[in-house]
Amino acid sequence: MTIKELQAQTDDWIKTYGVRYFSELTNMTVLSEEVGELARLMARVYGEQSFKKQEDIDTAPQKIEDELSDIIFVVTCLANQMNVNLEEAMARNFEKKTKRDATRHLNNKKL
């Protein structure tokens, strides 16, 4: 699926099942919530925090996938609401990063 197709499918889903987009502010809050859910999982899988139940450990990889997908969905909703073409925006972003960081990371002795 291309990013353009993702934006179109998201828009179709919202109009079919979601009735309408939440406000931009509500979606920003939902995005923060989804990032928090991912952070909680990351702290347990890759950090020092522990899970309470074995079942949570066993399902963590799928839950991480779900949270990442939720984040992409909400970001796509926000882009659609604000008429942002994510394909074009990402192309510009990579160009910016490439110019800015062409040798930055290569010359970083910490990496």
PDB file of N, CA and C in Angstrom:
ATOM      1  N   MET A   1       0.851  -1.171   0.000  1.00  0.00           N
ATOM      2  CA  MET A   1       0.000   0.000   0.000  1.00  0.00           C
ATOM      3  C   MET A   1       0.901   1.240   0.000  1.00  0.00           C
ATOM      4  N   THR A   2       0.616   2.164  -0.881  1.00  0.00           N
ATOM      5  CA  THR A   2       1.355   3.425  -0.888  1.00  0.00           C
ATOM      6  C   THR A   2       0.788   4.340   0.190  1.00  0.00           C
ATOM      7  N   ILE A   3       1.506   5.387   0.478  1.00  0.00           N
ATOM      8  CA  ILE A   3       1.005   6.360   1.453  1.00  0.00           C
ATOM      9  C   ILE A   3      -0.259   7.031   0.915  1.00  0.00           C
ATOM     10  N   LYS A   4      -0.280   7.296  -0.373  1.00  0.00           N
ATOM     11  CA  LYS A   4      -1.484   7.885  -0.989  1.00  0.00           C
ATOM     12  C   LYS A   4      -2.685   6.960  -0.805  1.00  0.00           C
ATOM     13  N   GLU A   5      -2.470   5.660  -1.020  1.00  0.00           N
ATOM     14  CA  GLU A   5      -3.547   4.687  -0.827  1.00  0.00           C
ATOM     15  C   GLU A   5      -3.960   4.611   0.642  1.00  0.00           C
ATOM     16  N   LEU A   6      -2.988   4.697   1.552  1.00  0.00           N
ATOM     17  CA  LEU A   6      -3.287   4.705   2.982  1.00  0.00           C
ATOM     18  C   LEU A   6      -4.172   5.890   3.339  1.00  0.00           C
ATOM     19  N   GLN A   7      -3.829   7.056   2.816  1.00  0.00           N
ATOM     20  CA  GLN A   7      -4.643   8.238   3.115  1.00  0.00           C
ATOM     21  C   GLN A   7      -6.052   8.085   2.557  1.00  0.00           C
ATOM     22  N   ALA A   8      -6.185   7.525   1.362  1.00  0.00           N
ATOM     23  CA  ALA A   8      -7.516   7.331   0.768  1.00  0.00           C
ATOM     24  C   ALA A   8      -8.314   6.281   1.531  1.00  0.00           C
ATOM     25  N   GLN A   9      -7.679   5.164   1.891  1.00  0.00           N
ATOM     26  CA  GLN A   9      -8.384   4.111   2.628  1.00  0.00           C
ATOM     27  C   GLN A   9      -8.803   4.602   4.005  1.00  0.00           C
ATOM     28  N   THR A  10      -7.958   5.389   4.653  1.00  0.00           N
ATOM     29  CA  THR A  10      -8.309   5.964   5.956  1.00  0.00           C
ATOM     30  C   THR A  10      -9.516   6.871   5.820  1.00  0.00           C
ATOM     31  N   ASP A  11      -9.514   7.713   4.803  1.00  0.00           N
ATOM     32  CA  ASP A  11     -10.636   8.624   4.578  1.00  0.00           C
ATOM     33  C   ASP A  11     -11.921   7.846   4.316  1.00  0.00           C
ATOM     34  N   ASP A  12     -11.834   6.802   3.493  1.00  0.00           N
ATOM     35  CA  ASP A  12     -13.010   5.968   3.226  1.00  0.00           C
ATOM     36  C   ASP A  12     -13.515   5.304   4.505  1.00  0.00           C
ATOM     37  N   TRP A  13     -12.599   4.803   5.327  1.00  0.00           N
ATOM     38  CA  TRP A  13     -12.997   4.136   6.568  1.00  0.00           C
ATOM     39  C   TRP A  13     -13.695   5.117   7.498  1.00  0.00           C
ATOM     40  N   ILE A  14     -13.111   6.296   7.647  1.00  0.00           N
ATOM     41  CA  ILE A  14     -13.718   7.307   8.527  1.00  0.00           C
ATOM     42  C   ILE A  14     -15.120   7.641   8.054  1.00  0.00           C
ATOM     43  N   LYS A  15     -15.285   7.847   6.768  1.00  0.00           N
ATOM     44  CA  LYS A  15     -16.597   8.243   6.235  1.00  0.00           C
ATOM     45  C   LYS A  15     -17.607   7.106   6.281  1.00  0.00           C
ATOM     46  N   THR A  16     -17.143   5.860   6.265  1.00  0.00           N
ATOM     47  CA  THR A  16     -18.042   4.705   6.292  1.00  0.00           C
ATOM     48  C   THR A  16     -18.373   4.265   7.710  1.00  0.00           C
ATOM     49  N   TYR A  17     -17.338   4.168   8.566  1.00  0.00           N
ATOM     50  CA  TYR A  17     -17.523   3.610   9.898  1.00  0.00           C
ATOM     51  C   TYR A  17     -17.356   4.618  11.028  1.00  0.00           C
ATOM     52  N   GLY A  18     -16.611   5.640  10.799  1.00  0.00           N
ATOM     53  CA  GLY A  18     -16.331   6.598  11.852  1.00  0.00           C
ATOM     54  C   GLY A  18     -17.268   7.793  11.851  1.00  0.00           C
ATOM     55  N   VAL A  19     -18.143   7.861  10.881  1.00  0.00           N
ATOM     56  CA  VAL A  19     -19.112   8.936  10.682  1.00  0.00           C
ATOM     57  C   VAL A  19     -18.408  10.220  10.221  1.00  0.00           C
ATOM     58  N   ARG A  20     -17.440  10.692  11.006  1.00  0.00           N
ATOM     59  CA  ARG A  20     -16.674  11.891  10.646  1.00  0.00           C
ATOM     60  C   ARG A  20     -15.362  11.856  11.424  1.00  0.00           C
ATOM     61  N   TYR A  21     -14.446  12.709  11.020  1.00  0.00           N
ATOM     62  CA  TYR A  21     -13.193  12.826  11.760  1.00  0.00           C
ATOM     63  C   TYR A  21     -13.453  13.484  13.103  1.00  0.00           C
ATOM     64  N   PHE A  22     -12.740  13.048  14.133  1.00  0.00           N
ATOM     65  CA  PHE A  22     -12.709  13.809  15.381  1.00  0.00           C
ATOM     66  C   PHE A  22     -12.017  15.131  15.082  1.00  0.00           C
ATOM     67  N   SER A  23     -12.155  16.100  15.933  1.00  0.00           N
ATOM     68  CA  SER A  23     -11.447  17.370  15.731  1.00  0.00           C
ATOM     69  C   SER A  23      -9.943  17.124  15.755  1.00  0.00           C
ATOM     70  N   GLU A  24      -9.206  18.048  15.178  1.00  0.00           N
ATOM     71  CA  GLU A  24      -7.748  17.931  15.166  1.00  0.00           C
ATOM     72  C   GLU A  24      -7.192  17.847  16.587  1.00  0.00           C
ATOM     73  N   LEU A  25      -7.742  18.635  17.482  1.00  0.00           N
ATOM     74  CA  LEU A  25      -7.268  18.614  18.865  1.00  0.00           C
ATOM     75  C   LEU A  25      -7.560  17.265  19.519  1.00  0.00           C
ATOM     76  N   THR A  26      -8.742  16.715  19.289  1.00  0.00           N
ATOM     77  CA  THR A  26      -9.064  15.396  19.828  1.00  0.00           C
ATOM     78  C   THR A  26      -8.123  14.352  19.251  1.00  0.00           C
ATOM     79  N   ASN A  27      -7.877  14.403  17.945  1.00  0.00           N
ATOM     80  CA  ASN A  27      -6.973  13.427  17.337  1.00  0.00           C
ATOM     81  C   ASN A  27      -5.546  13.583  17.845  1.00  0.00           C
ATOM     82  N   MET A  28      -5.127  14.800  18.142  1.00  0.00           N
ATOM     83  CA  MET A  28      -3.797  14.992  18.715  1.00  0.00           C
ATOM     84  C   MET A  28      -3.721  14.331  20.086  1.00  0.00           C
ATOM     85  N   THR A  29      -4.791  14.446  20.844  1.00  0.00           N
ATOM     86  CA  THR A  29      -4.850  13.812  22.157  1.00  0.00           C
ATOM     87  C   THR A  29      -4.870  12.292  22.025  1.00  0.00           C
ATOM     88  N   VAL A  30      -5.638  11.780  21.067  1.00  0.00           N
ATOM     89  CA  VAL A  30      -5.675  10.339  20.813  1.00  0.00           C
ATOM     90  C   VAL A  30      -4.280   9.852  20.404  1.00  0.00           C
ATOM     91  N   LEU A  31      -3.587  10.627  19.586  1.00  0.00           N
ATOM     92  CA  LEU A  31      -2.228  10.266  19.185  1.00  0.00           C
ATOM     93  C   LEU A  31      -1.313  10.168  20.406  1.00  0.00           C
ATOM     94  N   SER A  32      -1.422  11.133  21.297  1.00  0.00           N
ATOM     95  CA  SER A  32      -0.609  11.094  22.525  1.00  0.00           C
ATOM     96  C   SER A  32      -0.920   9.848  23.339  1.00  0.00           C
ATOM     97  N   GLU A  33      -2.190   9.491  23.410  1.00  0.00           N
ATOM     98  CA  GLU A  33      -2.601   8.295  24.139  1.00  0.00           C
ATOM     99  C   GLU A  33      -2.001   7.036  23.501  1.00  0.00           C
ATOM    100  N   GLU A  34      -2.063   6.958  22.180  1.00  0.00           N
ATOM    101  CA  GLU A  34      -1.520   5.781  21.484  1.00  0.00           C
ATOM    102  C   GLU A  34      -0.003   5.682  21.664  1.00  0.00           C
ATOM    103  N   VAL A  35       0.695   6.809  21.607  1.00  0.00           N
ATOM    104  CA  VAL A  35       2.141   6.799  21.831  1.00  0.00           C
ATOM    105  C   VAL A  35       2.435   6.343  23.253  1.00  0.00           C
ATOM    106  N   GLY A  36       1.622   6.759  24.214  1.00  0.00           N
ATOM    107  CA  GLY A  36       1.787   6.319  25.595  1.00  0.00           C
ATOM    108  C   GLY A  36       1.607   4.818  25.739  1.00  0.00           C
ATOM    109  N   GLU A  37       0.632   4.246  25.021  1.00  0.00           N
ATOM    110  CA  GLU A  37       0.419   2.805  25.072  1.00  0.00           C
ATOM    111  C   GLU A  37       1.627   2.057  24.494  1.00  0.00           C
ATOM    112  N   LEU A  38       2.196   2.595  23.409  1.00  0.00           N
ATOM    113  CA  LEU A  38       3.405   1.995  22.847  1.00  0.00           C
ATOM    114  C   LEU A  38       4.569   2.120  23.831  1.00  0.00           C
ATOM    115  N   ALA A  39       4.700   3.279  24.450  1.00  0.00           N
ATOM    116  CA  ALA A  39       5.790   3.499  25.411  1.00  0.00           C
ATOM    117  C   ALA A  39       5.703   2.509  26.566  1.00  0.00           C
ATOM    118  N   ARG A  40       4.505   2.241  27.039  1.00  0.00           N
ATOM    119  CA  ARG A  40       4.318   1.282  28.140  1.00  0.00           C
ATOM    120  C   ARG A  40       4.833  -0.097  27.736  1.00  0.00           C
ATOM    121  N   LEU A  41       4.490  -0.531  26.537  1.00  0.00           N
ATOM    122  CA  LEU A  41       4.964  -1.826  26.050  1.00  0.00           C
ATOM    123  C   LEU A  41       6.483  -1.827  25.874  1.00  0.00           C
ATOM    124  N   MET A  42       7.017  -0.766  25.302  1.00  0.00           N
ATOM    125  CA  MET A  42       8.455  -0.685  25.047  1.00  0.00           C
ATOM    126  C   MET A  42       9.244  -0.747  26.359  1.00  0.00           C
ATOM    127  N   ALA A  43       8.717  -0.107  27.403  1.00  0.00           N
ATOM    128  CA  ALA A  43       9.391  -0.104  28.700  1.00  0.00           C
ATOM    129  C   ALA A  43       9.459  -1.517  29.282  1.00  0.00           C
ATOM    130  N   ARG A  44       8.479  -2.346  28.935  1.00  0.00           N
ATOM    131  CA  ARG A  44       8.452  -3.701  29.459  1.00  0.00           C
ATOM    132  C   ARG A  44       9.221  -4.684  28.583  1.00  0.00           C
ATOM    133  N   VAL A  45       9.177  -4.494  27.279  1.00  0.00           N
ATOM    134  CA  VAL A  45       9.871  -5.411  26.374  1.00  0.00           C
ATOM    135  C   VAL A  45      11.364  -5.082  26.292  1.00  0.00           C
ATOM    136  N   TYR A  46      11.700  -3.800  26.196  1.00  0.00           N
ATOM    137  CA  TYR A  46      13.088  -3.396  25.974  1.00  0.00           C
ATOM    138  C   TYR A  46      13.722  -2.689  27.169  1.00  0.00           C
ATOM    139  N   GLY A  47      12.911  -2.299  28.123  1.00  0.00           N
ATOM    140  CA  GLY A  47      13.411  -1.589  29.292  1.00  0.00           C
ATOM    141  C   GLY A  47      13.427  -2.466  30.523  1.00  0.00           C
ATOM    142  N   GLU A  48      13.503  -1.834  31.661  1.00  0.00           N
ATOM    143  CA  GLU A  48      13.644  -2.550  32.930  1.00  0.00           C
ATOM    144  C   GLU A  48      12.322  -2.914  33.588  1.00  0.00           C
ATOM    145  N   GLN A  49      11.205  -2.369  33.129  1.00  0.00           N
ATOM    146  CA  GLN A  49       9.931  -2.719  33.754  1.00  0.00           C
ATOM    147  C   GLN A  49       9.528  -4.140  33.371  1.00  0.00           C
ATOM    148  N   SER A  50       8.693  -4.750  34.202  1.00  0.00           N
ATOM    149  CA  SER A  50       8.281  -6.135  33.946  1.00  0.00           C
ATOM    150  C   SER A  50       6.770  -6.208  33.725  1.00  0.00           C
ATOM    151  N   PHE A  51       6.375  -7.261  33.036  1.00  0.00           N
ATOM    152  CA  PHE A  51       4.954  -7.555  32.844  1.00  0.00           C
ATOM    153  C   PHE A  51       4.413  -8.218  34.102  1.00  0.00           C
ATOM    154  N   LYS A  52       3.113  -8.096  34.303  1.00  0.00           N
ATOM    155  CA  LYS A  52       2.475  -8.725  35.463  1.00  0.00           C
ATOM    156  C   LYS A  52       2.126 -10.184  35.197  1.00  0.00           C
ATOM    157  N   LYS A  53       1.806 -10.504  33.931  1.00  0.00           N
ATOM    158  CA  LYS A  53       1.371 -11.866  33.609  1.00  0.00           C
ATOM    159  C   LYS A  53       2.152 -12.401  32.412  1.00  0.00           C
ATOM    160  N   GLN A  54       2.355 -13.718  32.373  1.00  0.00           N
ATOM    161  CA  GLN A  54       3.046 -14.364  31.244  1.00  0.00           C
ATOM    162  C   GLN A  54       2.320 -14.085  29.938  1.00  0.00           C
ATOM    163  N   GLU A  55       1.003 -14.066  29.985  1.00  0.00           N
ATOM    164  CA  GLU A  55       0.205 -13.816  28.782  1.00  0.00           C
ATOM    165  C   GLU A  55       0.595 -12.484  28.143  1.00  0.00           C
ATOM    166  N   ASP A  56       0.846 -11.475  28.958  1.00  0.00           N
ATOM    167  CA  ASP A  56       1.234 -10.168  28.433  1.00  0.00           C
ATOM    168  C   ASP A  56       2.576 -10.246  27.714  1.00  0.00           C
ATOM    169  N   ILE A  57       3.478 -11.059  28.227  1.00  0.00           N
ATOM    170  CA  ILE A  57       4.786 -11.243  27.581  1.00  0.00           C
ATOM    171  C   ILE A  57       4.592 -11.905  26.224  1.00  0.00           C
ATOM    172  N   ASP A  58       3.751 -12.920  26.189  1.00  0.00           N
ATOM    173  CA  ASP A  58       3.533 -13.694  24.966  1.00  0.00           C
ATOM    174  C   ASP A  58       2.867 -12.877  23.866  1.00  0.00           C
ATOM    175  N   THR A  59       2.017 -11.945  24.246  1.00  0.00           N
ATOM    176  CA  THR A  59       1.289 -11.163  23.241  1.00  0.00           C
ATOM    177  C   THR A  59       1.943  -9.816  22.939  1.00  0.00           C
ATOM    178  N   ALA A  60       3.046  -9.494  23.582  1.00  0.00           N
ATOM    179  CA  ALA A  60       3.683  -8.179  23.418  1.00  0.00           C
ATOM    180  C   ALA A  60       4.057  -7.853  21.975  1.00  0.00           C
ATOM    181  N   PRO A  61       4.652  -8.771  21.210  1.00  0.00           N
ATOM    182  CA  PRO A  61       5.005  -8.405  19.828  1.00  0.00           C
ATOM    183  C   PRO A  61       3.791  -7.971  19.000  1.00  0.00           C
ATOM    184  N   GLN A  62       2.678  -8.689  19.132  1.00  0.00           N
ATOM    185  CA  GLN A  62       1.458  -8.315  18.394  1.00  0.00           C
ATOM    186  C   GLN A  62       0.905  -6.982  18.900  1.00  0.00           C
ATOM    187  N   LYS A  63       0.968  -6.761  20.202  1.00  0.00           N
ATOM    188  CA  LYS A  63       0.477  -5.505  20.757  1.00  0.00           C
ATOM    189  C   LYS A  63       1.312  -4.326  20.279  1.00  0.00           C
ATOM    190  N   ILE A  64       2.624  -4.524  20.161  1.00  0.00           N
ATOM    191  CA  ILE A  64       3.480  -3.450  19.636  1.00  0.00           C
ATOM    192  C   ILE A  64       3.074  -3.138  18.198  1.00  0.00           C
ATOM    193  N   GLU A  65       2.852  -4.173  17.385  1.00  0.00           N
ATOM    194  CA  GLU A  65       2.386  -3.955  16.005  1.00  0.00           C
ATOM    195  C   GLU A  65       1.076  -3.175  15.994  1.00  0.00           C
ATOM    196  N   ASP A  66       0.150  -3.567  16.865  1.00  0.00           N
ATOM    197  CA  ASP A  66      -1.146  -2.891  16.930  1.00  0.00           C
ATOM    198  C   ASP A  66      -0.989  -1.422  17.301  1.00  0.00           C
ATOM    199  N   GLU A  67      -0.153  -1.139  18.282  1.00  0.00           N
ATOM    200  CA  GLU A  67       0.033   0.259  18.710  1.00  0.00           C
ATOM    201  C   GLU A  67       0.698   1.086  17.622  1.00  0.00           C
ATOM    202  N   LEU A  68       1.696   0.520  16.946  1.00  0.00           N
ATOM    203  CA  LEU A  68       2.328   1.250  15.840  1.00  0.00           C
ATOM    204  C   LEU A  68       1.310   1.540  14.741  1.00  0.00           C
ATOM    205  N   SER A  69       0.454   0.561  14.454  1.00  0.00           N
ATOM    206  CA  SER A  69      -0.593   0.760  13.446  1.00  0.00           C
ATOM    207  C   SER A  69      -1.596   1.820  13.885  1.00  0.00           C
ATOM    208  N   ASP A  70      -1.958   1.806  15.161  1.00  0.00           N
ATOM    209  CA  ASP A  70      -2.863   2.835  15.680  1.00  0.00           C
ATOM    210  C   ASP A  70      -2.255   4.221  15.514  1.00  0.00           C
ATOM    211  N   ILE A  71      -0.963   4.346  15.787  1.00  0.00           N
ATOM    212  CA  ILE A  71      -0.275   5.636  15.663  1.00  0.00           C
ATOM    213  C   ILE A  71      -0.292   6.099  14.209  1.00  0.00           C
ATOM    214  N   ILE A  72       0.023   5.193  13.296  1.00  0.00           N
ATOM    215  CA  ILE A  72       0.016   5.560  11.875  1.00  0.00           C
ATOM    216  C   ILE A  72      -1.387   5.965  11.435  1.00  0.00           C
ATOM    217  N   PHE A  73      -2.403   5.258  11.921  1.00  0.00           N
ATOM    218  CA  PHE A  73      -3.783   5.599  11.569  1.00  0.00           C
ATOM    219  C   PHE A  73      -4.132   7.019  12.019  1.00  0.00           C
ATOM    220  N   VAL A  74      -3.809   7.355  13.253  1.00  0.00           N
ATOM    221  CA  VAL A  74      -4.165   8.682  13.768  1.00  0.00           C
ATOM    222  C   VAL A  74      -3.361   9.770  13.052  1.00  0.00           C
ATOM    223  N   VAL A  75      -2.081   9.515  12.796  1.00  0.00           N
ATOM    224  CA  VAL A  75      -1.271  10.489  12.037  1.00  0.00           C
ATOM    225  C   VAL A  75      -1.884  10.695  10.648  1.00  0.00           C
ATOM    226  N   THR A  76      -2.343   9.615  10.043  1.00  0.00           N
ATOM    227  CA  THR A  76      -2.969   9.717   8.721  1.00  0.00           C
ATOM    228  C   THR A  76      -4.266  10.514   8.799  1.00  0.00           C
ATOM    229  N   CYS A  77      -5.041  10.308   9.845  1.00  0.00           N
ATOM    230  CA  CYS A  77      -6.255  11.105  10.041  1.00  0.00           C
ATOM    231  C   CYS A  77      -5.917  12.589  10.139  1.00  0.00           C
ATOM    232  N   LEU A  78      -4.923  12.906  10.946  1.00  0.00           N
ATOM    233  CA  LEU A  78      -4.514  14.308  11.095  1.00  0.00           C
ATOM    234  C   LEU A  78      -4.063  14.895   9.755  1.00  0.00           C
ATOM    235  N   ALA A  79      -3.285  14.131   9.006  1.00  0.00           N
ATOM    236  CA  ALA A  79      -2.829  14.617   7.695  1.00  0.00           C
ATOM    237  C   ALA A  79      -4.019  14.871   6.776  1.00  0.00           C
ATOM    238  N   ASN A  80      -4.959  13.951   6.750  1.00  0.00           N
ATOM    239  CA  ASN A  80      -6.141  14.127   5.909  1.00  0.00           C
ATOM    240  C   ASN A  80      -6.929  15.370   6.314  1.00  0.00           C
ATOM    241  N   GLN A  81      -7.100  15.563   7.604  1.00  0.00           N
ATOM    242  CA  GLN A  81      -7.870  16.702   8.088  1.00  0.00           C
ATOM    243  C   GLN A  81      -7.234  18.035   7.717  1.00  0.00           C
ATOM    244  N   MET A  82      -5.902  18.054   7.689  1.00  0.00           N
ATOM    245  CA  MET A  82      -5.187  19.308   7.433  1.00  0.00           C
ATOM    246  C   MET A  82      -4.693  19.396   5.992  1.00  0.00           C
ATOM    247  N   ASN A  83      -5.235  18.510   5.132  1.00  0.00           N
ATOM    248  CA  ASN A  83      -4.899  18.493   3.707  1.00  0.00           C
ATOM    249  C   ASN A  83      -3.401  18.381   3.456  1.00  0.00           C
ATOM    250  N   VAL A  84      -2.746  17.501   4.222  1.00  0.00           N
ATOM    251  CA  VAL A  84      -1.319  17.245   4.042  1.00  0.00           C
ATOM    252  C   VAL A  84      -1.163  15.996   3.185  1.00  0.00           C
ATOM    253  N   ASN A  85      -0.452  16.115   2.079  1.00  0.00           N
ATOM    254  CA  ASN A  85      -0.103  14.973   1.250  1.00  0.00           C
ATOM    255  C   ASN A  85       1.141  14.361   1.871  1.00  0.00           C
ATOM    256  N   LEU A  86       0.968  13.238   2.561  1.00  0.00           N
ATOM    257  CA  LEU A  86       2.079  12.636   3.297  1.00  0.00           C
ATOM    258  C   LEU A  86       3.198  12.135   2.383  1.00  0.00           C
ATOM    259  N   GLU A  87       2.868  11.701   1.162  1.00  0.00           N
ATOM    260  CA  GLU A  87       3.927  11.271   0.242  1.00  0.00           C
ATOM    261  C   GLU A  87       4.850  12.438  -0.084  1.00  0.00           C
ATOM    262  N   GLU A  88       4.255  13.577  -0.411  1.00  0.00           N
ATOM    263  CA  GLU A  88       5.058  14.756  -0.728  1.00  0.00           C
ATOM    264  C   GLU A  88       5.796  15.268   0.504  1.00  0.00           C
ATOM    265  N   ALA A  89       5.130  15.275   1.640  1.00  0.00           N
ATOM    266  CA  ALA A  89       5.754  15.752   2.875  1.00  0.00           C
ATOM    267  C   ALA A  89       6.938  14.868   3.260  1.00  0.00           C
ATOM    268  N   MET A  90       6.801  13.554   3.118  1.00  0.00           N
ATOM    269  CA  MET A  90       7.897  12.643   3.447  1.00  0.00           C
ATOM    270  C   MET A  90       9.060  12.800   2.483  1.00  0.00           C
ATOM    271  N   ALA A  91       8.765  13.015   1.210  1.00  0.00           N
ATOM    272  CA  ALA A  91       9.844  13.236   0.234  1.00  0.00           C
ATOM    273  C   ALA A  91      10.642  14.478   0.611  1.00  0.00           C
ATOM    274  N   ARG A  92       9.948  15.546   0.969  1.00  0.00           N
ATOM    275  CA  ARG A  92      10.638  16.775   1.396  1.00  0.00           C
ATOM    276  C   ARG A  92      11.425  16.542   2.686  1.00  0.00           C
ATOM    277  N   ASN A  93      10.859  15.757   3.590  1.00  0.00           N
ATOM    278  CA  ASN A  93      11.518  15.490   4.865  1.00  0.00           C
ATOM    279  C   ASN A  93      12.814  14.707   4.666  1.00  0.00           C
ATOM    280  N   PHE A  94      12.785  13.701   3.795  1.00  0.00           N
ATOM    281  CA  PHE A  94      14.010  12.946   3.517  1.00  0.00           C
ATOM    282  C   PHE A  94      15.065  13.823   2.859  1.00  0.00           C
ATOM    283  N   GLU A  95      14.627  14.695   1.965  1.00  0.00           N
ATOM    284  CA  GLU A  95      15.562  15.624   1.318  1.00  0.00           C
ATOM    285  C   GLU A  95      16.207  16.536   2.361  1.00  0.00           C
ATOM    286  N   LYS A  96      15.406  17.066   3.267  1.00  0.00           N
ATOM    287  CA  LYS A  96      15.922  17.924   4.341  1.00  0.00           C
ATOM    288  C   LYS A  96      16.922  17.178   5.207  1.00  0.00           C
ATOM    289  N   LYS A  97      16.549  15.972   5.631  1.00  0.00           N
ATOM    290  CA  LYS A  97      17.429  15.173   6.493  1.00  0.00           C
ATOM    291  C   LYS A  97      18.731  14.812   5.778  1.00  0.00           C
ATOM    292  N   THR A  98      18.635  14.496   4.501  1.00  0.00           N
ATOM    293  CA  THR A  98      19.821  14.115   3.740  1.00  0.00           C
ATOM    294  C   THR A  98      20.793  15.282   3.634  1.00  0.00           C
ATOM    295  N   LYS A  99      20.277  16.459   3.333  1.00  0.00           N
ATOM    296  CA  LYS A  99      21.147  17.645   3.259  1.00  0.00           C
ATOM    297  C   LYS A  99      21.752  17.964   4.617  1.00  0.00           C
ATOM    298  N   ARG A 100      20.952  17.949   5.638  1.00  0.00           N
ATOM    299  CA  ARG A 100      21.388  18.327   6.978  1.00  0.00           C
ATOM    300  C   ARG A 100      22.337  17.302   7.586  1.00  0.00           C
ATOM    301  N   ASP A 101      22.069  16.038   7.357  1.00  0.00           N
ATOM    302  CA  ASP A 101      22.788  14.984   8.063  1.00  0.00           C
ATOM    303  C   ASP A 101      23.681  14.133   7.155  1.00  0.00           C
ATOM    304  N   ALA A 102      24.083  14.664   6.014  1.00  0.00           N
ATOM    305  CA  ALA A 102      24.849  13.883   5.037  1.00  0.00           C
ATOM    306  C   ALA A 102      26.064  13.202   5.666  1.00  0.00           C
ATOM    307  N   THR A 103      26.769  13.887   6.536  1.00  0.00           N
ATOM    308  CA  THR A 103      27.952  13.279   7.171  1.00  0.00           C
ATOM    309  C   THR A 103      27.860  13.280   8.692  1.00  0.00           C
ATOM    310  N   ARG A 104      26.824  13.874   9.226  1.00  0.00           N
ATOM    311  CA  ARG A 104      26.689  14.020  10.673  1.00  0.00           C
ATOM    312  C   ARG A 104      26.826  12.690  11.418  1.00  0.00           C
ATOM    313  N   HIS A 105      26.095  11.701  11.003  1.00  0.00           N
ATOM    314  CA  HIS A 105      26.108  10.428  11.712  1.00  0.00           C
ATOM    315  C   HIS A 105      27.353   9.613  11.363  1.00  0.00           C
ATOM    316  N   LEU A 106      27.833   9.759  10.149  1.00  0.00           N
ATOM    317  CA  LEU A 106      29.063   9.058   9.756  1.00  0.00           C
ATOM    318  C   LEU A 106      30.260   9.517  10.581  1.00  0.00           C
ATOM    319  N   ASN A 107      30.235  10.782  10.982  1.00  0.00           N
ATOM    320  CA  ASN A 107      31.338  11.351  11.747  1.00  0.00           C
ATOM    321  C   ASN A 107      31.117  11.295  13.259  1.00  0.00           C
ATOM    322  N   ASN A 108      30.049  10.673  13.687  1.00  0.00           N
ATOM    323  CA  ASN A 108      29.733  10.593  15.111  1.00  0.00           C
ATOM    324  C   ASN A 108      30.480   9.397  15.714  1.00  0.00           C
ATOM    325  N   LYS A 109      31.480   9.657  16.507  1.00  0.00           N
ATOM    326  CA  LYS A 109      32.299   8.600  17.106  1.00  0.00           C
ATOM    327  C   LYS A 109      31.501   7.733  18.085  1.00  0.00           C
ATOM    328  N   LYS A 110      30.353   8.224  18.551  1.00  0.00           N
ATOM    329  CA  LYS A 110      29.535   7.463  19.488  1.00  0.00           C
ATOM    330  C   LYS A 110      28.729   6.356  18.789  1.00  0.00           C
ATOM    331  N   LEU A 111      28.648   6.443  17.479  1.00  0.00           N
ATOM    332  CA  LEU A 111      27.818   5.446  16.758  1.00  0.00           C
ATOM    333  C   LEU A 111      28.667   4.289  16.261  1.00  0.00           C
TER     334      LEU A 111
END
